[in-house]
Amino acid sequence: WRCRDCLGTPAYCSGCMRASHSQLPFHRVEKWMDTHYRPAWLSELGICVHLGHGGHRCP
């Protein structure tokens, strides 16, 4: 994984990308696919943004 919006376009493993981007939902990320990076969604890492309720799921 890599982030197009983070300074220096660092590469991350799945766990580190999830941890570092759970509060950055508008960053554009890419996933490594054997020979190239492809555009990806943070939802592919299990990140889900909850609007309202202080960032928690609806009760």
PDB file of N, CA and C in Angstrom:
ATOM      1  N   TRP A   1       0.840  -1.179   0.000  1.00  0.00           N
ATOM      2  CA  TRP A   1       0.000   0.000   0.000  1.00  0.00           C
ATOM      3  C   TRP A   1       0.877   1.232   0.000  1.00  0.00           C
ATOM      4  N   ARG A   2       0.392   2.291  -0.650  1.00  0.00           N
ATOM      5  CA  ARG A   2       1.045   3.595  -0.546  1.00  0.00           C
ATOM      6  C   ARG A   2      -0.013   4.675  -0.622  1.00  0.00           C
ATOM      7  N   CYS A   3       0.359   5.836  -0.117  1.00  0.00           N
ATOM      8  CA  CYS A   3      -0.562   6.966  -0.083  1.00  0.00           C
ATOM      9  C   CYS A   3      -0.037   8.068  -0.987  1.00  0.00           C
ATOM     10  N   ARG A   4      -0.871   8.524  -1.905  1.00  0.00           N
ATOM     11  CA  ARG A   4      -0.484   9.588  -2.826  1.00  0.00           C
ATOM     12  C   ARG A   4      -0.457  10.949  -2.144  1.00  0.00           C
ATOM     13  N   ASP A   5      -1.132  11.079  -1.004  1.00  0.00           N
ATOM     14  CA  ASP A   5      -1.239  12.373  -0.340  1.00  0.00           C
ATOM     15  C   ASP A   5      -0.243  12.575   0.794  1.00  0.00           C
ATOM     16  N   CYS A   6       0.347  11.510   1.302  1.00  0.00           N
ATOM     17  CA  CYS A   6       1.333  11.643   2.380  1.00  0.00           C
ATOM     18  C   CYS A   6       2.678  12.073   1.800  1.00  0.00           C
ATOM     19  N   LEU A   7       3.380  12.902   2.531  1.00  0.00           N
ATOM     20  CA  LEU A   7       4.663  13.421   2.088  1.00  0.00           C
ATOM     21  C   LEU A   7       5.639  12.292   1.792  1.00  0.00           C
ATOM     22  N   GLY A   8       6.192  12.260   0.594  1.00  0.00           N
ATOM     23  CA  GLY A   8       7.174  11.257   0.216  1.00  0.00           C
ATOM     24  C   GLY A   8       6.571   9.970  -0.322  1.00  0.00           C
ATOM     25  N   THR A   9       5.257   9.869  -0.373  1.00  0.00           N
ATOM     26  CA  THR A   9       4.549   8.679  -0.858  1.00  0.00           C
ATOM     27  C   THR A   9       5.105   7.404  -0.239  1.00  0.00           C
ATOM     28  N   PRO A  10       5.067   7.278   1.095  1.00  0.00           N
ATOM     29  CA  PRO A  10       5.624   6.091   1.755  1.00  0.00           C
ATOM     30  C   PRO A  10       4.806   4.834   1.471  1.00  0.00           C
ATOM     31  N   ALA A  11       5.483   3.684   1.548  1.00  0.00           N
ATOM     32  CA  ALA A  11       4.810   2.387   1.384  1.00  0.00           C
ATOM     33  C   ALA A  11       4.471   1.832   2.765  1.00  0.00           C
ATOM     34  N   TYR A  12       3.326   1.175   2.890  1.00  0.00           N
ATOM     35  CA  TYR A  12       2.847   0.627   4.154  1.00  0.00           C
ATOM     36  C   TYR A  12       2.376  -0.814   3.964  1.00  0.00           C
ATOM     37  N   CYS A  13       2.445  -1.598   5.038  1.00  0.00           N
ATOM     38  CA  CYS A  13       1.740  -2.883   5.042  1.00  0.00           C
ATOM     39  C   CYS A  13       0.269  -2.564   5.326  1.00  0.00           C
ATOM     40  N   SER A  14      -0.611  -3.542   5.196  1.00  0.00           N
ATOM     41  CA  SER A  14      -2.048  -3.311   5.405  1.00  0.00           C
ATOM     42  C   SER A  14      -2.356  -2.772   6.796  1.00  0.00           C
ATOM     43  N   GLY A  15      -1.753  -3.371   7.816  1.00  0.00           N
ATOM     44  CA  GLY A  15      -2.021  -2.952   9.190  1.00  0.00           C
ATOM     45  C   GLY A  15      -1.573  -1.533   9.470  1.00  0.00           C
ATOM     46  N   CYS A  16      -0.403  -1.170   8.972  1.00  0.00           N
ATOM     47  CA  CYS A  16       0.106   0.191   9.192  1.00  0.00           C
ATOM     48  C   CYS A  16      -0.700   1.219   8.405  1.00  0.00           C
ATOM     49  N   MET A  17      -1.130   0.861   7.206  1.00  0.00           N
ATOM     50  CA  MET A  17      -1.960   1.783   6.420  1.00  0.00           C
ATOM     51  C   MET A  17      -3.289   2.005   7.131  1.00  0.00           C
ATOM     52  N   ARG A  18      -3.895   0.949   7.641  1.00  0.00           N
ATOM     53  CA  ARG A  18      -5.167   1.064   8.362  1.00  0.00           C
ATOM     54  C   ARG A  18      -4.997   1.943   9.603  1.00  0.00           C
ATOM     55  N   ALA A  19      -3.932   1.718  10.361  1.00  0.00           N
ATOM     56  CA  ALA A  19      -3.701   2.486  11.591  1.00  0.00           C
ATOM     57  C   ALA A  19      -3.414   3.957  11.296  1.00  0.00           C
ATOM     58  N   SER A  20      -2.633   4.223  10.267  1.00  0.00           N
ATOM     59  CA  SER A  20      -2.233   5.603   9.990  1.00  0.00           C
ATOM     60  C   SER A  20      -3.285   6.397   9.218  1.00  0.00           C
ATOM     61  N   HIS A  21      -4.244   5.724   8.585  1.00  0.00           N
ATOM     62  CA  HIS A  21      -5.217   6.431   7.758  1.00  0.00           C
ATOM     63  C   HIS A  21      -6.667   6.295   8.222  1.00  0.00           C
ATOM     64  N   SER A  22      -6.892   5.743   9.388  1.00  0.00           N
ATOM     65  CA  SER A  22      -8.272   5.601   9.862  1.00  0.00           C
ATOM     66  C   SER A  22      -8.932   6.959  10.101  1.00  0.00           C
ATOM     67  N   GLN A  23      -8.142   8.001  10.313  1.00  0.00           N
ATOM     68  CA  GLN A  23      -8.674   9.351  10.513  1.00  0.00           C
ATOM     69  C   GLN A  23      -8.387  10.261   9.319  1.00  0.00           C
ATOM     70  N   LEU A  24      -7.973   9.683   8.193  1.00  0.00           N
ATOM     71  CA  LEU A  24      -7.653  10.455   6.988  1.00  0.00           C
ATOM     72  C   LEU A  24      -8.449   9.909   5.797  1.00  0.00           C
ATOM     73  N   PRO A  25      -9.770   9.988   5.845  1.00  0.00           N
ATOM     74  CA  PRO A  25     -10.593   9.323   4.837  1.00  0.00           C
ATOM     75  C   PRO A  25     -10.498   9.892   3.426  1.00  0.00           C
ATOM     76  N   PHE A  26      -9.931  11.085   3.268  1.00  0.00           N
ATOM     77  CA  PHE A  26      -9.866  11.679   1.939  1.00  0.00           C
ATOM     78  C   PHE A  26      -8.517  11.489   1.256  1.00  0.00           C
ATOM     79  N   HIS A  27      -7.599  10.773   1.901  1.00  0.00           N
ATOM     80  CA  HIS A  27      -6.323  10.493   1.259  1.00  0.00           C
ATOM     81  C   HIS A  27      -6.522   9.466   0.150  1.00  0.00           C
ATOM     82  N   ARG A  28      -5.769   9.628  -0.921  1.00  0.00           N
ATOM     83  CA  ARG A  28      -5.852   8.711  -2.063  1.00  0.00           C
ATOM     84  C   ARG A  28      -4.795   7.631  -1.897  1.00  0.00           C
ATOM     85  N   VAL A  29      -5.227   6.383  -1.812  1.00  0.00           N
ATOM     86  CA  VAL A  29      -4.299   5.276  -1.594  1.00  0.00           C
ATOM     87  C   VAL A  29      -4.250   4.364  -2.810  1.00  0.00           C
ATOM     88  N   GLU A  30      -3.159   3.597  -2.882  1.00  0.00           N
ATOM     89  CA  GLU A  30      -2.963   2.638  -3.958  1.00  0.00           C
ATOM     90  C   GLU A  30      -2.473   1.323  -3.371  1.00  0.00           C
ATOM     91  N   LYS A  31      -2.820   0.238  -4.027  1.00  0.00           N
ATOM     92  CA  LYS A  31      -2.429  -1.096  -3.576  1.00  0.00           C
ATOM     93  C   LYS A  31      -1.489  -1.716  -4.599  1.00  0.00           C
ATOM     94  N   TRP A  32      -0.418  -2.355  -4.104  1.00  0.00           N
ATOM     95  CA  TRP A  32       0.550  -3.011  -4.976  1.00  0.00           C
ATOM     96  C   TRP A  32      -0.043  -4.301  -5.537  1.00  0.00           C
ATOM     97  N   MET A  33       0.033  -4.470  -6.848  1.00  0.00           N
ATOM     98  CA  MET A  33      -0.527  -5.645  -7.524  1.00  0.00           C
ATOM     99  C   MET A  33       0.550  -6.339  -8.367  1.00  0.00           C
ATOM    100  N   ASP A  34       1.520  -6.960  -7.728  1.00  0.00           N
ATOM    101  CA  ASP A  34       2.592  -7.738  -8.367  1.00  0.00           C
ATOM    102  C   ASP A  34       3.575  -6.910  -9.193  1.00  0.00           C
ATOM    103  N   THR A  35       3.089  -6.084 -10.116  1.00  0.00           N
ATOM    104  CA  THR A  35       3.996  -5.314 -10.973  1.00  0.00           C
ATOM    105  C   THR A  35       3.723  -3.816 -10.965  1.00  0.00           C
ATOM    106  N   HIS A  36       2.630  -3.399 -10.335  1.00  0.00           N
ATOM    107  CA  HIS A  36       2.264  -1.981 -10.365  1.00  0.00           C
ATOM    108  C   HIS A  36       1.299  -1.661  -9.220  1.00  0.00           C
ATOM    109  N   TYR A  37       1.149  -0.375  -8.954  1.00  0.00           N
ATOM    110  CA  TYR A  37       0.149   0.086  -7.994  1.00  0.00           C
ATOM    111  C   TYR A  37      -1.139   0.386  -8.746  1.00  0.00           C
ATOM    112  N   ARG A  38      -2.267   0.096  -8.107  1.00  0.00           N
ATOM    113  CA  ARG A  38      -3.570   0.447  -8.674  1.00  0.00           C
ATOM    114  C   ARG A  38      -4.328   1.286  -7.653  1.00  0.00           C
ATOM    115  N   PRO A  39      -5.171   2.211  -8.116  1.00  0.00           N
ATOM    116  CA  PRO A  39      -5.974   2.992  -7.179  1.00  0.00           C
ATOM    117  C   PRO A  39      -6.830   2.064  -6.324  1.00  0.00           C
ATOM    118  N   ALA A  40      -6.977   2.403  -5.053  1.00  0.00           N
ATOM    119  CA  ALA A  40      -7.740   1.564  -4.127  1.00  0.00           C
ATOM    120  C   ALA A  40      -8.544   2.451  -3.181  1.00  0.00           C
ATOM    121  N   TRP A  41      -9.427   1.809  -2.430  1.00  0.00           N
ATOM    122  CA  TRP A  41     -10.259   2.490  -1.442  1.00  0.00           C
ATOM    123  C   TRP A  41      -9.822   2.075  -0.050  1.00  0.00           C
ATOM    124  N   LEU A  42      -9.906   2.987   0.893  1.00  0.00           N
ATOM    125  CA  LEU A  42      -9.591   2.640   2.276  1.00  0.00           C
ATOM    126  C   LEU A  42     -10.558   1.590   2.814  1.00  0.00           C
ATOM    127  N   SER A  43     -11.724   1.481   2.232  1.00  0.00           N
ATOM    128  CA  SER A  43     -12.680   0.454   2.663  1.00  0.00           C
ATOM    129  C   SER A  43     -12.136  -0.952   2.415  1.00  0.00           C
ATOM    130  N   GLU A  44     -11.214  -1.101   1.472  1.00  0.00           N
ATOM    131  CA  GLU A  44     -10.591  -2.400   1.221  1.00  0.00           C
ATOM    132  C   GLU A  44      -9.749  -2.848   2.416  1.00  0.00           C
ATOM    133  N   LEU A  45      -9.386  -1.900   3.266  1.00  0.00           N
ATOM    134  CA  LEU A  45      -8.628  -2.197   4.483  1.00  0.00           C
ATOM    135  C   LEU A  45      -9.549  -2.342   5.691  1.00  0.00           C
ATOM    136  N   GLY A  46     -10.837  -2.197   5.471  1.00  0.00           N
ATOM    137  CA  GLY A  46     -11.792  -2.307   6.566  1.00  0.00           C
ATOM    138  C   GLY A  46     -12.085  -0.988   7.252  1.00  0.00           C
ATOM    139  N   ILE A  47     -11.618   0.117   6.681  1.00  0.00           N
ATOM    140  CA  ILE A  47     -11.875   1.431   7.272  1.00  0.00           C
ATOM    141  C   ILE A  47     -13.276   1.885   6.875  1.00  0.00           C
ATOM    142  N   CYS A  48     -14.047   2.288   7.868  1.00  0.00           N
ATOM    143  CA  CYS A  48     -15.414   2.758   7.658  1.00  0.00           C
ATOM    144  C   CYS A  48     -15.577   4.056   8.448  1.00  0.00           C
ATOM    145  N   VAL A  49     -16.004   5.106   7.783  1.00  0.00           N
ATOM    146  CA  VAL A  49     -16.183   6.403   8.430  1.00  0.00           C
ATOM    147  C   VAL A  49     -17.632   6.527   8.886  1.00  0.00           C
ATOM    148  N   HIS A  50     -17.825   6.772  10.174  1.00  0.00           N
ATOM    149  CA  HIS A  50     -19.163   6.948  10.740  1.00  0.00           C
ATOM    150  C   HIS A  50     -19.395   8.435  10.978  1.00  0.00           C
ATOM    151  N   LEU A  51     -20.377   8.994  10.299  1.00  0.00           N
ATOM    152  CA  LEU A  51     -20.697  10.409  10.452  1.00  0.00           C
ATOM    153  C   LEU A  51     -21.747  10.574  11.539  1.00  0.00           C
ATOM    154  N   GLY A  52     -21.547  11.545  12.398  1.00  0.00           N
ATOM    155  CA  GLY A  52     -22.466  11.763  13.510  1.00  0.00           C
ATOM    156  C   GLY A  52     -22.136  10.835  14.665  1.00  0.00           C
ATOM    157  N   HIS A  53     -22.809  10.979  15.771  1.00  0.00           N
ATOM    158  CA  HIS A  53     -22.625  10.150  16.963  1.00  0.00           C
ATOM    159  C   HIS A  53     -21.170  10.135  17.443  1.00  0.00           C
ATOM    160  N   GLY A  54     -20.444  11.221  17.228  1.00  0.00           N
ATOM    161  CA  GLY A  54     -19.062  11.303  17.708  1.00  0.00           C
ATOM    162  C   GLY A  54     -18.120  10.326  17.030  1.00  0.00           C
ATOM    163  N   GLY A  55     -18.419   9.922  15.801  1.00  0.00           N
ATOM    164  CA  GLY A  55     -17.565   8.994  15.079  1.00  0.00           C
ATOM    165  C   GLY A  55     -17.847   7.531  15.373  1.00  0.00           C
ATOM    166  N   HIS A  56     -18.859   7.270  16.195  1.00  0.00           N
ATOM    167  CA  HIS A  56     -19.226   5.889  16.536  1.00  0.00           C
ATOM    168  C   HIS A  56     -20.409   5.435  15.685  1.00  0.00           C
ATOM    169  N   ARG A  57     -20.623   4.143  15.617  1.00  0.00           N
ATOM    170  CA  ARG A  57     -21.769   3.607  14.888  1.00  0.00           C
ATOM    171  C   ARG A  57     -23.075   4.108  15.493  1.00  0.00           C
ATOM    172  N   CYS A  58     -24.115   4.135  14.677  1.00  0.00           N
ATOM    173  CA  CYS A  58     -25.437   4.518  15.181  1.00  0.00           C
ATOM    174  C   CYS A  58     -25.869   3.541  16.272  1.00  0.00           C
ATOM    175  N   PRO A  59     -26.482   4.063  17.337  1.00  0.00           N
ATOM    176  CA  PRO A  59     -26.905   3.169  18.423  1.00  0.00           C
ATOM    177  C   PRO A  59     -28.048   2.258  17.998  1.00  0.00           C
TER     178      PRO A  59
END
